[in-house]
Amino acid sequence: MSKLTIVARILAKPEKQELVKHELLKLIDITRAEEGCINYDLHQDNENKNLFLFFENWENRDSLEKHASNTHFVAFQEATKGAIEEFIVNEMTHIA
């Protein structure tokens, strides 16, 4: 199976923006060390500070599924419960 690209859009509630950012930053180093992670890059919108995007590349779907069930990702979900307005994950295929 070919590489899997993920674009994850996370919109924090305005009053929870710092909490969400802090929790997202905690994911980076541990996720980058996961087997199958090619890159895991977090971005914050310049105009809407509540909007974060992860650009991720994984060797395969199995690696992504393991990431989603890892304790650090589950801990992120618990820590940000009620703090995120929208969480959209798009699976993408590189075409050019």
Protein backbone atom coordinates (compact mmCIF):
# COMPACT_ATOMS: atom_id res chain seq x y z
CA MET A 1 0.00 0.00 0.00
CA SER A 2 1.22 3.48 -0.78
CA LYS A 3 1.89 6.38 1.53
CA LEU A 4 -1.14 7.94 3.23
CA THR A 5 -1.41 11.72 3.65
CA ILE A 6 -3.63 13.23 6.33
CA VAL A 7 -4.78 16.81 6.68
CA ALA A 8 -6.38 17.29 10.09
CA ARG A 9 -8.27 20.53 10.74
CA ILE A 10 -8.76 21.37 14.41
CA LEU A 11 -10.82 24.40 15.38
CA ALA A 12 -10.54 25.23 19.07
CA LYS A 13 -13.22 27.09 20.96
CA PRO A 14 -11.89 30.64 21.39
CA GLU A 15 -11.69 30.43 25.18
CA LYS A 16 -9.85 27.07 24.92
CA GLN A 17 -7.31 27.98 22.21
CA GLU A 18 -4.27 27.92 24.52
CA LEU A 19 -5.28 24.58 26.06
CA VAL A 20 -5.78 22.97 22.65
CA LYS A 21 -2.50 24.38 21.33
CA HIS A 22 -0.63 23.09 24.39
CA GLU A 23 -2.13 19.61 23.99
CA LEU A 24 -1.43 19.53 20.23
CA LEU A 25 2.20 20.46 20.80
CA LYS A 26 2.55 17.57 23.25
CA LEU A 27 1.65 15.13 20.45
CA ILE A 28 4.45 16.11 18.07
CA ASP A 29 7.66 14.51 19.35
CA ILE A 30 6.06 11.27 20.50
CA THR A 31 4.12 10.89 17.23
CA ARG A 32 7.16 11.63 15.07
CA ALA A 33 8.90 8.73 16.84
CA GLU A 34 6.10 6.29 16.00
CA GLU A 35 6.79 3.51 13.54
CA GLY A 36 5.44 4.49 10.13
CA CYS A 37 5.32 8.24 10.73
CA ILE A 38 7.03 10.07 7.87
CA ASN A 39 6.14 13.58 9.01
CA TYR A 40 3.75 15.19 11.47
CA ASP A 41 3.70 18.96 11.13
CA LEU A 42 1.46 21.37 13.04
CA HIS A 43 0.42 24.77 11.70
CA GLN A 44 -1.61 27.61 13.22
CA ASP A 45 -3.60 30.03 11.08
CA ASN A 46 -2.14 33.55 11.01
CA GLU A 47 -5.51 35.28 11.21
CA ASN A 48 -7.64 32.79 13.15
CA LYS A 49 -5.46 31.65 16.04
CA ASN A 50 -8.11 29.07 16.97
CA LEU A 51 -7.48 27.11 13.75
CA PHE A 52 -4.77 24.44 13.62
CA LEU A 53 -3.82 22.09 10.78
CA PHE A 54 -1.73 18.95 10.95
CA PHE A 55 -0.08 17.81 7.73
CA GLU A 56 0.86 14.17 8.20
CA ASN A 57 2.34 11.43 6.08
CA TRP A 58 2.26 7.79 7.10
CA GLU A 59 3.86 4.77 5.49
CA ASN A 60 0.50 2.98 5.45
CA ARG A 61 -2.98 2.82 6.97
CA ASP A 62 -1.87 0.41 9.71
CA SER A 63 0.61 3.00 11.01
CA LEU A 64 -2.11 5.66 11.09
CA GLU A 65 -4.55 3.35 12.87
CA LYS A 66 -1.94 2.51 15.52
CA HIS A 67 -1.36 6.25 16.03
CA ALA A 68 -5.06 6.88 16.55
CA SER A 69 -5.22 4.24 19.29
CA ASN A 70 -1.95 5.11 21.07
CA THR A 71 -2.23 6.25 24.67
CA HIS A 72 -0.86 9.74 23.94
CA PHE A 73 -3.52 10.39 21.31
CA VAL A 74 -6.28 9.05 23.55
CA ALA A 75 -4.93 11.31 26.34
CA PHE A 76 -5.10 14.28 23.95
CA GLN A 77 -8.74 13.50 23.22
CA GLU A 78 -9.56 13.34 26.92
CA ALA A 79 -7.65 16.54 27.75
CA THR A 80 -9.43 18.51 25.02
CA LYS A 81 -12.93 17.11 25.48
CA GLY A 82 -15.34 20.03 25.11
CA ALA A 83 -12.56 22.39 23.96
CA ILE A 84 -12.70 21.65 20.23
CA GLU A 85 -15.43 23.08 18.05
CA GLU A 86 -14.53 21.07 14.95
CA PHE A 87 -12.12 18.23 14.15
CA ILE A 88 -12.05 17.21 10.49
CA VAL A 89 -9.66 14.60 9.10
CA ASN A 90 -9.12 14.32 5.35
CA GLU A 91 -7.27 11.34 3.90
CA MET A 92 -5.44 12.47 0.80
CA THR A 93 -3.56 10.85 -2.08
CA HIS A 94 -0.57 12.58 -3.65
CA ILE A 95 -1.25 12.91 -7.37
CA ALA A 96 1.52 15.18 -8.70
